[in-house]
């Protein structure tokens, strides 16, 4: 079985070429969804917004003072049990 197929991904999902050589795109419009948090059980909302070219992926904590940004990058990962946390200057998602 090829990597990812047990999760429902087709082999084409995994690109064989380096990221830098692939074309990039962003969302056409903002998307907002809300629901019950898996670990907290509280109502939560997420909004995905189109990014500027080259901005990368990041989270903005609008519930905290100064709305800190947390880069979605392996360097931001903090080890936890049964979850993944991204951290920047003590603020996390």
N, C-alpha and C. Protein backbone atom coordinates (compact mmCIF):
# COMPACT_ATOMS: atom_id res chain seq x y z
N UNK A 1 0.85 -1.19 0.00
CA UNK A 1 0.00 0.00 0.00
C UNK A 1 0.89 1.24 0.00
N UNK A 2 0.61 2.18 -0.88
CA UNK A 2 1.41 3.40 -0.96
C UNK A 2 1.13 4.32 0.22
N UNK A 3 2.15 5.14 0.55
CA UNK A 3 2.01 6.07 1.67
C UNK A 3 0.79 6.95 1.50
N UNK A 4 -0.02 7.07 2.55
CA UNK A 4 -1.16 7.96 2.54
C UNK A 4 -2.45 7.34 2.07
N UNK A 5 -2.40 6.21 1.36
CA UNK A 5 -3.64 5.65 0.85
C UNK A 5 -4.55 5.15 1.97
N UNK A 6 -3.96 4.71 3.09
CA UNK A 6 -4.79 4.29 4.21
C UNK A 6 -5.55 5.47 4.82
N UNK A 7 -5.12 6.69 4.55
CA UNK A 7 -5.80 7.88 5.03
C UNK A 7 -6.75 8.46 3.99
N UNK A 8 -6.84 7.81 2.83
CA UNK A 8 -7.75 8.27 1.80
C UNK A 8 -7.13 9.22 0.79
N UNK A 9 -5.80 9.41 0.84
CA UNK A 9 -5.13 10.27 -0.12
C UNK A 9 -4.71 9.45 -1.32
N UNK A 10 -4.83 10.04 -2.49
CA UNK A 10 -4.36 9.36 -3.69
C UNK A 10 -2.85 9.57 -3.80
N UNK A 11 -2.14 8.71 -4.51
CA UNK A 11 -0.69 8.88 -4.66
C UNK A 11 -0.30 10.25 -5.23
N UNK A 12 -1.18 10.88 -6.03
CA UNK A 12 -0.87 12.18 -6.59
C UNK A 12 -0.83 13.26 -5.52
N UNK A 13 -1.42 12.98 -4.33
CA UNK A 13 -1.41 13.96 -3.24
C UNK A 13 0.02 14.26 -2.81
N UNK A 14 0.88 13.27 -2.86
CA UNK A 14 2.26 13.43 -2.44
C UNK A 14 3.11 13.79 -3.64
N UNK A 15 3.61 15.00 -3.68
CA UNK A 15 4.38 15.47 -4.83
C UNK A 15 5.79 14.92 -4.78
N UNK A 16 6.32 14.56 -5.93
CA UNK A 16 7.67 14.03 -5.99
C UNK A 16 8.68 15.13 -6.29
N UNK A 17 8.23 16.29 -6.66
CA UNK A 17 9.14 17.39 -6.98
C UNK A 17 9.29 18.32 -5.78
N UNK A 18 10.41 19.01 -5.67
CA UNK A 18 10.62 19.93 -4.55
C UNK A 18 9.58 21.05 -4.52
N UNK A 19 9.27 21.54 -3.33
CA UNK A 19 8.27 22.58 -3.15
C UNK A 19 8.58 23.81 -4.00
N UNK A 20 9.83 24.21 -4.06
CA UNK A 20 10.20 25.42 -4.78
C UNK A 20 9.86 25.35 -6.26
N UNK A 21 9.81 24.15 -6.84
CA UNK A 21 9.54 24.04 -8.26
C UNK A 21 8.05 23.90 -8.57
N UNK A 22 7.20 23.72 -7.53
CA UNK A 22 5.76 23.61 -7.75
C UNK A 22 5.12 24.99 -7.80
N UNK A 23 4.02 25.08 -8.56
CA UNK A 23 3.30 26.35 -8.59
C UNK A 23 2.60 26.55 -7.26
N UNK A 24 2.39 27.78 -6.88
CA UNK A 24 1.75 28.11 -5.62
C UNK A 24 0.49 28.89 -5.89
N UNK A 25 -0.44 28.80 -4.96
CA UNK A 25 -1.69 29.54 -5.10
C UNK A 25 -2.23 29.85 -3.71
N UNK A 26 -3.26 30.66 -3.67
CA UNK A 26 -3.90 31.01 -2.41
C UNK A 26 -5.40 30.81 -2.54
N UNK A 27 -6.12 31.01 -1.47
CA UNK A 27 -7.57 30.88 -1.50
C UNK A 27 -8.17 32.00 -2.33
N UNK A 28 -9.28 31.73 -2.97
CA UNK A 28 -9.96 32.75 -3.76
C UNK A 28 -10.77 33.69 -2.87
N UNK A 29 -11.22 33.19 -1.72
CA UNK A 29 -12.05 34.00 -0.81
C UNK A 29 -11.88 33.50 0.62
N UNK A 30 -12.28 34.31 1.57
CA UNK A 30 -12.23 33.94 2.98
C UNK A 30 -13.28 32.87 3.28
N UNK A 31 -12.90 31.90 4.11
CA UNK A 31 -13.79 30.83 4.53
C UNK A 31 -13.82 30.81 6.06
N UNK A 32 -15.00 30.78 6.66
CA UNK A 32 -15.14 30.74 8.11
C UNK A 32 -15.95 29.52 8.52
N UNK A 33 -15.46 28.81 9.54
CA UNK A 33 -16.18 27.65 10.07
C UNK A 33 -16.13 27.71 11.59
N UNK A 34 -17.16 27.18 12.24
CA UNK A 34 -17.17 27.10 13.69
C UNK A 34 -17.65 25.72 14.11
N UNK A 35 -17.33 25.36 15.35
CA UNK A 35 -17.74 24.06 15.86
C UNK A 35 -17.25 23.89 17.29
N UNK A 36 -17.35 22.69 17.77
CA UNK A 36 -16.94 22.35 19.13
C UNK A 36 -15.48 21.88 19.09
N UNK A 37 -14.63 22.46 19.93
CA UNK A 37 -13.22 22.08 19.99
C UNK A 37 -13.06 20.64 20.43
N UNK A 38 -12.21 19.89 19.76
CA UNK A 38 -12.02 18.47 20.03
C UNK A 38 -11.53 18.22 21.46
N UNK A 39 -10.54 18.96 21.91
CA UNK A 39 -9.96 18.72 23.23
C UNK A 39 -10.58 19.58 24.32
N UNK A 40 -11.08 20.76 23.97
CA UNK A 40 -11.60 21.67 24.99
C UNK A 40 -13.11 21.56 25.18
N UNK A 41 -13.82 21.15 24.13
CA UNK A 41 -15.28 21.08 24.21
C UNK A 41 -15.96 22.44 24.12
N UNK A 42 -15.19 23.48 23.86
CA UNK A 42 -15.77 24.83 23.76
C UNK A 42 -16.03 25.18 22.30
N UNK A 43 -16.99 26.09 22.10
CA UNK A 43 -17.28 26.56 20.74
C UNK A 43 -16.09 27.37 20.26
N UNK A 44 -15.65 27.09 19.06
CA UNK A 44 -14.50 27.79 18.49
C UNK A 44 -14.79 28.13 17.04
N UNK A 45 -14.02 29.05 16.50
CA UNK A 45 -14.19 29.48 15.11
C UNK A 45 -12.83 29.62 14.47
N UNK A 46 -12.75 29.23 13.21
CA UNK A 46 -11.53 29.40 12.43
C UNK A 46 -11.90 30.13 11.14
N UNK A 47 -11.03 31.05 10.74
CA UNK A 47 -11.24 31.80 9.50
C UNK A 47 -9.97 31.63 8.66
N UNK A 48 -10.13 31.14 7.44
CA UNK A 48 -9.02 31.00 6.49
C UNK A 48 -9.11 32.15 5.52
N UNK A 49 -8.03 32.91 5.41
CA UNK A 49 -8.01 34.09 4.55
C UNK A 49 -6.96 33.95 3.47
N UNK A 50 -7.20 34.53 2.30
CA UNK A 50 -6.18 34.55 1.26
C UNK A 50 -4.93 35.27 1.76
N UNK A 51 -3.78 34.79 1.35
CA UNK A 51 -2.52 35.39 1.78
C UNK A 51 -1.88 36.16 0.63
N UNK A 52 -1.02 37.07 0.98
CA UNK A 52 -0.22 37.78 -0.02
C UNK A 52 0.84 36.82 -0.55
N UNK A 53 1.30 37.05 -1.74
CA UNK A 53 2.33 36.20 -2.35
C UNK A 53 3.55 36.11 -1.45
N UNK A 54 3.99 34.89 -1.17
CA UNK A 54 5.19 34.67 -0.38
C UNK A 54 5.00 34.77 1.12
N UNK A 55 3.78 35.00 1.58
CA UNK A 55 3.54 35.17 3.02
C UNK A 55 3.65 33.87 3.79
N UNK A 56 3.44 32.74 3.15
CA UNK A 56 3.47 31.47 3.85
C UNK A 56 2.19 31.26 4.64
N UNK A 57 2.20 30.21 5.47
CA UNK A 57 1.02 29.91 6.30
C UNK A 57 1.31 30.31 7.73
N UNK A 58 0.34 30.96 8.35
CA UNK A 58 0.49 31.36 9.74
C UNK A 58 -0.87 31.52 10.38
N UNK A 59 -0.87 31.46 11.69
CA UNK A 59 -2.08 31.64 12.48
C UNK A 59 -2.02 33.01 13.13
N UNK A 60 -3.18 33.66 13.26
CA UNK A 60 -3.27 34.94 13.96
C UNK A 60 -4.22 34.74 15.14
N UNK A 61 -3.73 34.97 16.35
CA UNK A 61 -4.56 34.81 17.55
C UNK A 61 -5.29 36.11 17.82
N UNK A 62 -6.47 36.28 17.24
CA UNK A 62 -7.24 37.51 17.41
C UNK A 62 -7.84 37.63 18.81
N UNK A 63 -7.80 36.55 19.58
CA UNK A 63 -8.31 36.57 20.95
C UNK A 63 -7.27 37.06 21.96
N UNK A 64 -6.05 37.33 21.51
CA UNK A 64 -4.98 37.80 22.39
C UNK A 64 -4.60 39.24 22.05
N UNK A 65 -4.07 39.99 23.04
CA UNK A 65 -3.64 41.37 22.77
C UNK A 65 -2.62 41.42 21.63
N UNK A 66 -2.73 42.40 20.79
CA UNK A 66 -1.84 42.64 19.64
C UNK A 66 -1.92 41.56 18.57
N UNK A 67 -2.88 40.64 18.65
CA UNK A 67 -3.11 39.59 17.64
C UNK A 67 -1.80 38.99 17.12
N UNK A 68 -1.06 38.27 17.98
CA UNK A 68 0.23 37.71 17.54
C UNK A 68 0.08 36.68 16.43
N UNK A 69 1.09 36.63 15.57
CA UNK A 69 1.12 35.66 14.48
C UNK A 69 2.01 34.50 14.88
N UNK A 70 1.59 33.31 14.52
CA UNK A 70 2.37 32.10 14.79
C UNK A 70 2.57 31.38 13.47
N UNK A 71 3.81 31.32 13.04
CA UNK A 71 4.17 30.72 11.76
C UNK A 71 3.91 29.22 11.77
N UNK A 72 3.26 28.71 10.73
CA UNK A 72 3.03 27.27 10.58
C UNK A 72 4.28 26.67 9.94
N UNK A 73 5.25 26.40 10.79
CA UNK A 73 6.55 25.90 10.34
C UNK A 73 7.08 24.91 11.36
N UNK A 74 7.85 23.96 10.91
CA UNK A 74 8.38 22.94 11.81
C UNK A 74 9.19 23.56 12.96
N UNK A 75 9.81 24.70 12.75
CA UNK A 75 10.58 25.35 13.81
C UNK A 75 9.68 25.87 14.93
N UNK A 76 8.38 26.00 14.69
CA UNK A 76 7.43 26.49 15.69
C UNK A 76 6.77 25.38 16.50
N UNK A 77 7.05 24.12 16.17
CA UNK A 77 6.38 22.99 16.82
C UNK A 77 6.92 22.77 18.23
N UNK A 78 5.98 22.59 19.17
CA UNK A 78 6.34 22.24 20.54
C UNK A 78 5.79 20.84 20.81
N UNK A 79 6.61 20.00 21.40
CA UNK A 79 6.21 18.62 21.66
C UNK A 79 5.12 18.56 22.72
N UNK A 80 4.08 17.79 22.41
CA UNK A 80 2.97 17.56 23.33
C UNK A 80 2.56 16.10 23.22
N UNK A 81 1.65 15.69 24.05
CA UNK A 81 1.14 14.34 24.01
C UNK A 81 -0.17 14.31 23.21
N UNK A 82 -0.22 13.54 22.14
CA UNK A 82 -1.41 13.33 21.32
C UNK A 82 -1.94 14.59 20.63
N UNK A 83 -1.09 15.58 20.41
CA UNK A 83 -1.50 16.77 19.66
C UNK A 83 -0.25 17.47 19.14
N UNK A 84 -0.47 18.51 18.37
CA UNK A 84 0.63 19.35 17.89
C UNK A 84 0.34 20.78 18.29
N UNK A 85 1.33 21.45 18.83
CA UNK A 85 1.20 22.86 19.17
C UNK A 85 2.28 23.64 18.43
N UNK A 86 1.88 24.80 17.92
CA UNK A 86 2.82 25.73 17.32
C UNK A 86 2.96 26.89 18.29
N UNK A 87 4.19 27.32 18.55
CA UNK A 87 4.45 28.34 19.56
C UNK A 87 5.30 29.47 18.99
N UNK A 88 4.99 30.70 19.40
CA UNK A 88 5.80 31.87 19.08
C UNK A 88 5.74 32.80 20.29
N UNK A 89 6.89 33.01 20.90
CA UNK A 89 7.00 33.89 22.05
C UNK A 89 5.96 33.59 23.13
N UNK A 90 5.78 32.29 23.43
CA UNK A 90 4.88 31.86 24.48
C UNK A 90 3.42 31.78 24.10
N UNK A 91 3.07 32.22 22.92
CA UNK A 91 1.67 32.13 22.45
C UNK A 91 1.57 30.92 21.55
N UNK A 92 0.47 30.18 21.67
CA UNK A 92 0.39 28.93 20.93
C UNK A 92 -0.98 28.71 20.29
N UNK A 93 -0.95 27.82 19.30
CA UNK A 93 -2.16 27.29 18.68
C UNK A 93 -2.03 25.78 18.63
